[in-house]
PDB file of N, CA and C in Angstrom:
ATOM      1  N   UNK A   1     -30.163 105.768  68.377  1.00  0.00           N
ATOM      2  CA  UNK A   1     -29.101 106.054  69.320  1.00  0.00           C
ATOM      3  C   UNK A   1     -28.730 104.799  70.107  1.00  0.00           C
ATOM      4  N   UNK A   2     -29.672 103.939  70.344  1.00  0.00           N
ATOM      5  CA  UNK A   2     -29.400 102.698  71.058  1.00  0.00           C
ATOM      6  C   UNK A   2     -28.408 101.832  70.283  1.00  0.00           C
ATOM      7  N   UNK A   3     -28.520 101.823  68.972  1.00  0.00           N
ATOM      8  CA  UNK A   3     -27.619 101.025  68.140  1.00  0.00           C
ATOM      9  C   UNK A   3     -26.166 101.470  68.314  1.00  0.00           C
ATOM     10  N   UNK A   4     -25.925 102.777  68.398  1.00  0.00           N
ATOM     11  CA  UNK A   4     -24.574 103.301  68.574  1.00  0.00           C
ATOM     12  C   UNK A   4     -23.993 102.867  69.914  1.00  0.00           C
ATOM     13  N   UNK A   5     -24.798 102.886  70.968  1.00  0.00           N
ATOM     14  CA  UNK A   5     -24.325 102.447  72.281  1.00  0.00           C
ATOM     15  C   UNK A   5     -23.947 100.973  72.259  1.00  0.00           C
ATOM     16  N   UNK A   6     -24.735 100.142  71.591  1.00  0.00           N
ATOM     17  CA  UNK A   6     -24.441  98.718  71.503  1.00  0.00           C
ATOM     18  C   UNK A   6     -23.179  98.479  70.687  1.00  0.00           C
ATOM     19  N   UNK A   7     -22.978  99.251  69.629  1.00  0.00           N
ATOM     20  CA  UNK A   7     -21.772  99.093  68.824  1.00  0.00           C
ATOM     21  C   UNK A   7     -20.537  99.469  69.621  1.00  0.00           C
ATOM     22  N   UNK A   8     -20.623 100.526  70.427  1.00  0.00           N
ATOM     23  CA  UNK A   8     -19.483 100.941  71.236  1.00  0.00           C
ATOM     24  C   UNK A   8     -19.124  99.882  72.271  1.00  0.00           C
ATOM     25  N   UNK A   9     -20.111  99.203  72.826  1.00  0.00           N
ATOM     26  CA  UNK A   9     -19.858  98.168  73.817  1.00  0.00           C
ATOM     27  C   UNK A   9     -19.265  96.918  73.169  1.00  0.00           C
ATOM     28  N   UNK A  10     -19.633  96.647  71.918  1.00  0.00           N
ATOM     29  CA  UNK A  10     -19.204  95.417  71.264  1.00  0.00           C
ATOM     30  C   UNK A  10     -17.909  95.564  70.481  1.00  0.00           C
ATOM     31  N   UNK A  11     -17.442  96.781  70.253  1.00  0.00           N
ATOM     32  CA  UNK A  11     -16.192  96.940  69.525  1.00  0.00           C
ATOM     33  C   UNK A  11     -15.019  96.657  70.450  1.00  0.00           C
ATOM     34  N   UNK A  12     -14.006  96.037  69.882  1.00  0.00           N
ATOM     35  CA  UNK A  12     -12.823  95.720  70.667  1.00  0.00           C
ATOM     36  C   UNK A  12     -11.605  96.329  69.993  1.00  0.00           C
ATOM     37  N   UNK A  13     -10.687  96.794  70.800  1.00  0.00           N
ATOM     38  CA  UNK A  13      -9.441  97.352  70.292  1.00  0.00           C
ATOM     39  C   UNK A  13      -8.359  96.295  70.289  1.00  0.00           C
ATOM     40  N   UNK A  14      -7.203  96.678  69.803  1.00  0.00           N
ATOM     41  CA  UNK A  14      -6.091  95.736  69.719  1.00  0.00           C
ATOM     42  C   UNK A  14      -5.653  95.270  71.104  1.00  0.00           C
ATOM     43  N   UNK A  15      -5.716  96.150  72.094  1.00  0.00           N
ATOM     44  CA  UNK A  15      -5.346  95.749  73.452  1.00  0.00           C
ATOM     45  C   UNK A  15      -6.324  94.705  74.001  1.00  0.00           C
ATOM     46  N   UNK A  16      -7.612  94.867  73.703  1.00  0.00           N
ATOM     47  CA  UNK A  16      -8.610  93.875  74.123  1.00  0.00           C
ATOM     48  C   UNK A  16      -8.358  92.530  73.445  1.00  0.00           C
ATOM     49  N   UNK A  17      -7.971  92.569  72.181  1.00  0.00           N
ATOM     50  CA  UNK A  17      -7.689  91.335  71.450  1.00  0.00           C
ATOM     51  C   UNK A  17      -6.476  90.638  72.050  1.00  0.00           C
ATOM     52  N   UNK A  18      -5.429  91.405  72.350  1.00  0.00           N
ATOM     53  CA  UNK A  18      -4.221  90.820  72.940  1.00  0.00           C
ATOM     54  C   UNK A  18      -4.538  90.203  74.300  1.00  0.00           C
ATOM     55  N   UNK A  19      -5.305  90.919  75.125  1.00  0.00           N
ATOM     56  CA  UNK A  19      -5.676  90.379  76.441  1.00  0.00           C
ATOM     57  C   UNK A  19      -6.520  89.120  76.298  1.00  0.00           C
ATOM     58  N   UNK A  20      -7.441  89.103  75.349  1.00  0.00           N
ATOM     59  CA  UNK A  20      -8.288  87.936  75.152  1.00  0.00           C
ATOM     60  C   UNK A  20      -7.490  86.726  74.698  1.00  0.00           C
ATOM     61  N   UNK A  21      -6.572  86.936  73.757  1.00  0.00           N
ATOM     62  CA  UNK A  21      -5.748  85.826  73.264  1.00  0.00           C
ATOM     63  C   UNK A  21      -4.840  85.313  74.379  1.00  0.00           C
ATOM     64  N   UNK A  22      -4.226  86.220  75.131  1.00  0.00           N
ATOM     65  CA  UNK A  22      -3.352  85.827  76.234  1.00  0.00           C
ATOM     66  C   UNK A  22      -4.124  85.012  77.276  1.00  0.00           C
ATOM     67  N   UNK A  23      -5.306  85.489  77.638  1.00  0.00           N
ATOM     68  CA  UNK A  23      -6.111  84.778  78.633  1.00  0.00           C
ATOM     69  C   UNK A  23      -6.578  83.426  78.098  1.00  0.00           C
ATOM     70  N   UNK A  24      -6.957  83.380  76.842  1.00  0.00           N
ATOM     71  CA  UNK A  24      -7.428  82.120  76.259  1.00  0.00           C
ATOM     72  C   UNK A  24      -6.301  81.098  76.151  1.00  0.00           C
ATOM     73  N   UNK A  25      -5.099  81.556  75.855  1.00  0.00           N
ATOM     74  CA  UNK A  25      -3.961  80.631  75.739  1.00  0.00           C
ATOM     75  C   UNK A  25      -3.670  79.929  77.068  1.00  0.00           C
ATOM     76  N   UNK A  26      -3.907  80.633  78.163  1.00  0.00           N
ATOM     77  CA  UNK A  26      -3.649  80.045  79.466  1.00  0.00           C
ATOM     78  C   UNK A  26      -4.901  79.497  80.134  1.00  0.00           C
ATOM     79  N   UNK A  27      -6.033  79.555  79.430  1.00  0.00           N
ATOM     80  CA  UNK A  27      -7.259  78.931  79.920  1.00  0.00           C
ATOM     81  C   UNK A  27      -7.974  79.701  81.004  1.00  0.00           C
ATOM     82  N   UNK A  28      -7.801  80.997  81.069  1.00  0.00           N
ATOM     83  CA  UNK A  28      -8.453  81.788  82.107  1.00  0.00           C
ATOM     84  C   UNK A  28      -9.383  82.847  81.515  1.00  0.00           C
ATOM     85  N   UNK A  29      -9.836  82.632  80.297  1.00  0.00           N
ATOM     86  CA  UNK A  29     -10.718  83.584  79.623  1.00  0.00           C
ATOM     87  C   UNK A  29     -12.085  83.593  80.313  1.00  0.00           C
ATOM     88  N   UNK A  30     -12.600  84.775  80.632  1.00  0.00           N
ATOM     89  CA  UNK A  30     -13.912  84.866  81.269  1.00  0.00           C
ATOM     90  C   UNK A  30     -15.006  84.611  80.234  1.00  0.00           C
ATOM     91  N   UNK A  31     -16.129  84.132  80.703  1.00  0.00           N
ATOM     92  CA  UNK A  31     -17.234  83.828  79.798  1.00  0.00           C
ATOM     93  C   UNK A  31     -17.738  85.085  79.106  1.00  0.00           C
ATOM     94  N   UNK A  32     -17.760  86.191  79.823  1.00  0.00           N
ATOM     95  CA  UNK A  32     -18.217  87.463  79.243  1.00  0.00           C
ATOM     96  C   UNK A  32     -17.328  87.878  78.066  1.00  0.00           C
ATOM     97  N   UNK A  33     -16.013  87.797  78.258  1.00  0.00           N
ATOM     98  CA  UNK A  33     -15.093  88.165  77.182  1.00  0.00           C
ATOM     99  C   UNK A  33     -15.136  87.169  76.031  1.00  0.00           C
ATOM    100  N   UNK A  34     -15.312  85.904  76.331  1.00  0.00           N
ATOM    101  CA  UNK A  34     -15.400  84.896  75.274  1.00  0.00           C
ATOM    102  C   UNK A  34     -16.611  85.144  74.395  1.00  0.00           C
ATOM    103  N   UNK A  35     -17.743  85.451  75.006  1.00  0.00           N
ATOM    104  CA  UNK A  35     -18.958  85.749  74.242  1.00  0.00           C
ATOM    105  C   UNK A  35     -18.750  86.999  73.400  1.00  0.00           C
ATOM    106  N   UNK A  36     -18.136  88.021  73.974  1.00  0.00           N
ATOM    107  CA  UNK A  36     -17.854  89.254  73.228  1.00  0.00           C
ATOM    108  C   UNK A  36     -16.957  88.982  72.031  1.00  0.00           C
ATOM    109  N   UNK A  37     -15.940  88.142  72.236  1.00  0.00           N
ATOM    110  CA  UNK A  37     -15.017  87.837  71.152  1.00  0.00           C
ATOM    111  C   UNK A  37     -15.702  87.092  70.010  1.00  0.00           C
ATOM    112  N   UNK A  38     -16.595  86.168  70.353  1.00  0.00           N
ATOM    113  CA  UNK A  38     -17.261  85.387  69.314  1.00  0.00           C
ATOM    114  C   UNK A  38     -18.345  86.173  68.588  1.00  0.00           C
ATOM    115  N   UNK A  39     -18.703  87.343  69.099  1.00  0.00           N
ATOM    116  CA  UNK A  39     -19.686  88.182  68.419  1.00  0.00           C
ATOM    117  C   UNK A  39     -19.046  89.135  67.417  1.00  0.00           C
ATOM    118  N   UNK A  40     -17.728  89.141  67.327  1.00  0.00           N
ATOM    119  CA  UNK A  40     -17.042  90.044  66.401  1.00  0.00           C
ATOM    120  C   UNK A  40     -17.232  89.564  64.965  1.00  0.00           C
ATOM    121  N   UNK A  41     -17.172  90.507  64.036  1.00  0.00           N
ATOM    122  CA  UNK A  41     -17.409  90.205  62.628  1.00  0.00           C
ATOM    123  C   UNK A  41     -16.272  89.389  62.018  1.00  0.00           C
ATOM    124  N   UNK A  42     -15.052  89.642  62.444  1.00  0.00           N
ATOM    125  CA  UNK A  42     -13.906  88.981  61.837  1.00  0.00           C
ATOM    126  C   UNK A  42     -13.043  88.319  62.901  1.00  0.00           C
ATOM    127  N   UNK A  43     -12.597  87.110  62.593  1.00  0.00           N
ATOM    128  CA  UNK A  43     -11.712  86.408  63.520  1.00  0.00           C
ATOM    129  C   UNK A  43     -10.245  86.586  63.148  1.00  0.00           C
ATOM    130  N   UNK A  44      -9.968  87.267  62.051  1.00  0.00           N
ATOM    131  CA  UNK A  44      -8.602  87.430  61.568  1.00  0.00           C
ATOM    132  C   UNK A  44      -7.689  88.098  62.598  1.00  0.00           C
ATOM    133  N   UNK A  45      -8.098  89.190  63.257  1.00  0.00           N
ATOM    134  CA  UNK A  45      -7.180  89.785  64.254  1.00  0.00           C
ATOM    135  C   UNK A  45      -6.818  88.820  65.378  1.00  0.00           C
ATOM    136  N   UNK A  46      -7.760  87.997  65.795  1.00  0.00           N
ATOM    137  CA  UNK A  46      -7.494  87.035  66.864  1.00  0.00           C
ATOM    138  C   UNK A  46      -6.503  85.971  66.399  1.00  0.00           C
ATOM    139  N   UNK A  47      -6.651  85.528  65.163  1.00  0.00           N
ATOM    140  CA  UNK A  47      -5.740  84.517  64.620  1.00  0.00           C
ATOM    141  C   UNK A  47      -4.335  85.087  64.487  1.00  0.00           C
ATOM    142  N   UNK A  48      -4.222  86.313  63.965  1.00  0.00           N
ATOM    143  CA  UNK A  48      -2.906  86.937  63.789  1.00  0.00           C
ATOM    144  C   UNK A  48      -2.217  87.122  65.146  1.00  0.00           C
ATOM    145  N   UNK A  49      -2.935  87.653  66.115  1.00  0.00           N
ATOM    146  CA  UNK A  49      -2.349  87.856  67.448  1.00  0.00           C
ATOM    147  C   UNK A  49      -1.996  86.508  68.071  1.00  0.00           C
ATOM    148  N   UNK A  50      -2.821  85.501  67.881  1.00  0.00           N
ATOM    149  CA  UNK A  50      -2.538  84.169  68.415  1.00  0.00           C
ATOM    150  C   UNK A  50      -1.285  83.556  67.825  1.00  0.00           C
ATOM    151  N   UNK A  51      -1.120  83.669  66.510  1.00  0.00           N
ATOM    152  CA  UNK A  51       0.065  83.125  65.853  1.00  0.00           C
ATOM    153  C   UNK A  51       1.320  83.865  66.320  1.00  0.00           C
ATOM    154  N   UNK A  52       1.245  85.189  66.396  1.00  0.00           N
ATOM    155  CA  UNK A  52       2.394  85.976  66.870  1.00  0.00           C
ATOM    156  C   UNK A  52       2.740  85.596  68.308  1.00  0.00           C
ATOM    157  N   UNK A  53       1.709  85.427  69.154  1.00  0.00           N
ATOM    158  CA  UNK A  53       1.957  85.056  70.546  1.00  0.00           C
ATOM    159  C   UNK A  53       2.645  83.693  70.641  1.00  0.00           C
ATOM    160  N   UNK A  54       2.196  82.723  69.850  1.00  0.00           N
ATOM    161  CA  UNK A  54       2.793  81.385  69.889  1.00  0.00           C
ATOM    162  C   UNK A  54       4.245  81.438  69.417  1.00  0.00           C
ATOM    163  N   UNK A  55       4.515  82.195  68.350  1.00  0.00           N
ATOM    164  CA  UNK A  55       5.886  82.312  67.846  1.00  0.00           C
ATOM    165  C   UNK A  55       6.797  82.939  68.899  1.00  0.00           C
ATOM    166  N   UNK A  56       6.337  84.029  69.523  1.00  0.00           N
ATOM    167  CA  UNK A  56       7.141  84.690  70.563  1.00  0.00           C
ATOM    168  C   UNK A  56       7.341  83.756  71.757  1.00  0.00           C
ATOM    169  N   UNK A  57       6.312  83.020  72.126  1.00  0.00           N
ATOM    170  CA  UNK A  57       6.402  82.086  73.251  1.00  0.00           C
ATOM    171  C   UNK A  57       7.426  80.988  72.975  1.00  0.00           C
ATOM    172  N   UNK A  58       7.378  80.392  71.783  1.00  0.00           N
ATOM    173  CA  UNK A  58       8.311  79.316  71.427  1.00  0.00           C
ATOM    174  C   UNK A  58       9.737  79.850  71.343  1.00  0.00           C
ATOM    175  N   UNK A  59       9.918  81.014  70.716  1.00  0.00           N
ATOM    176  CA  UNK A  59      11.260  81.602  70.649  1.00  0.00           C
ATOM    177  C   UNK A  59      11.790  81.941  72.041  1.00  0.00           C
ATOM    178  N   UNK A  60      10.916  82.385  72.922  1.00  0.00           N
ATOM    179  CA  UNK A  60      11.320  82.655  74.299  1.00  0.00           C
ATOM    180  C   UNK A  60      11.766  81.395  75.017  1.00  0.00           C
ATOM    181  N   UNK A  61      11.025  80.318  74.825  1.00  0.00           N
ATOM    182  CA  UNK A  61      11.424  79.037  75.436  1.00  0.00           C
ATOM    183  C   UNK A  61      12.757  78.550  74.890  1.00  0.00           C
ATOM    184  N   UNK A  62      12.945  78.677  73.584  1.00  0.00           N
ATOM    185  CA  UNK A  62      14.222  78.278  72.987  1.00  0.00           C
ATOM    186  C   UNK A  62      15.359  79.117  73.563  1.00  0.00           C
ATOM    187  N   UNK A  63      15.125  80.422  73.729  1.00  0.00           N
ATOM    188  CA  UNK A  63      16.138  81.290  74.298  1.00  0.00           C
ATOM    189  C   UNK A  63      16.491  80.932  75.725  1.00  0.00           C
ATOM    190  N   UNK A  64      15.481  80.646  76.536  1.00  0.00           N
ATOM    191  CA  UNK A  64      15.728  80.277  77.939  1.00  0.00           C
ATOM    192  C   UNK A  64      16.487  78.957  78.017  1.00  0.00           C
ATOM    193  N   UNK A  65      16.101  77.988  77.216  1.00  0.00           N
ATOM    194  CA  UNK A  65      16.779  76.685  77.251  1.00  0.00           C
ATOM    195  C   UNK A  65      18.225  76.824  76.776  1.00  0.00           C
ATOM    196  N   UNK A  66      18.453  77.629  75.755  1.00  0.00           N
ATOM    197  CA  UNK A  66      19.820  77.794  75.271  1.00  0.00           C
ATOM    198  C   UNK A  66      20.698  78.532  76.284  1.00  0.00           C
ATOM    199  N   UNK A  67      20.099  79.375  77.112  1.00  0.00           N
ATOM    200  CA  UNK A  67      20.867  80.074  78.139  1.00  0.00           C
ATOM    201  C   UNK A  67      21.252  79.165  79.309  1.00  0.00           C
ATOM    202  N   UNK A  68      20.394  78.223  79.658  1.00  0.00           N
ATOM    203  CA  UNK A  68      20.667  77.418  80.854  1.00  0.00           C
ATOM    204  C   UNK A  68      21.346  76.081  80.554  1.00  0.00           C
ATOM    205  N   UNK A  69      21.420  75.702  79.304  1.00  0.00           N
ATOM    206  CA  UNK A  69      22.104  74.448  78.984  1.00  0.00           C
ATOM    207  C   UNK A  69      23.524  74.755  78.523  1.00  0.00           C
ATOM    208  N   UNK A  70      24.462  73.912  78.927  1.00  0.00           N
ATOM    209  CA  UNK A  70      25.859  74.140  78.515  1.00  0.00           C
ATOM    210  C   UNK A  70      26.019  73.886  77.014  1.00  0.00           C
ATOM    211  N   UNK A  71      26.928  74.631  76.421  1.00  0.00           N
ATOM    212  CA  UNK A  71      27.165  74.505  74.979  1.00  0.00           C
ATOM    213  C   UNK A  71      27.974  73.307  74.626  1.00  0.00           C
TER     214      UNK A  71
END
């Protein structure tokens, strides 16, 4: 039964992954969450969310710059 409790504490959902990637991108990731993230079996979800976040961030910057600069 102890193993099940540890698995429940160590599993992360998509919202946890998004929060971790967002915090890590801005350099405010807590040590507790960083350790939890590095204990996961697969890094693929973190990479996918990170790439999507960077693409959205760059497209957002391009959109803001195109709105404020004259044509």
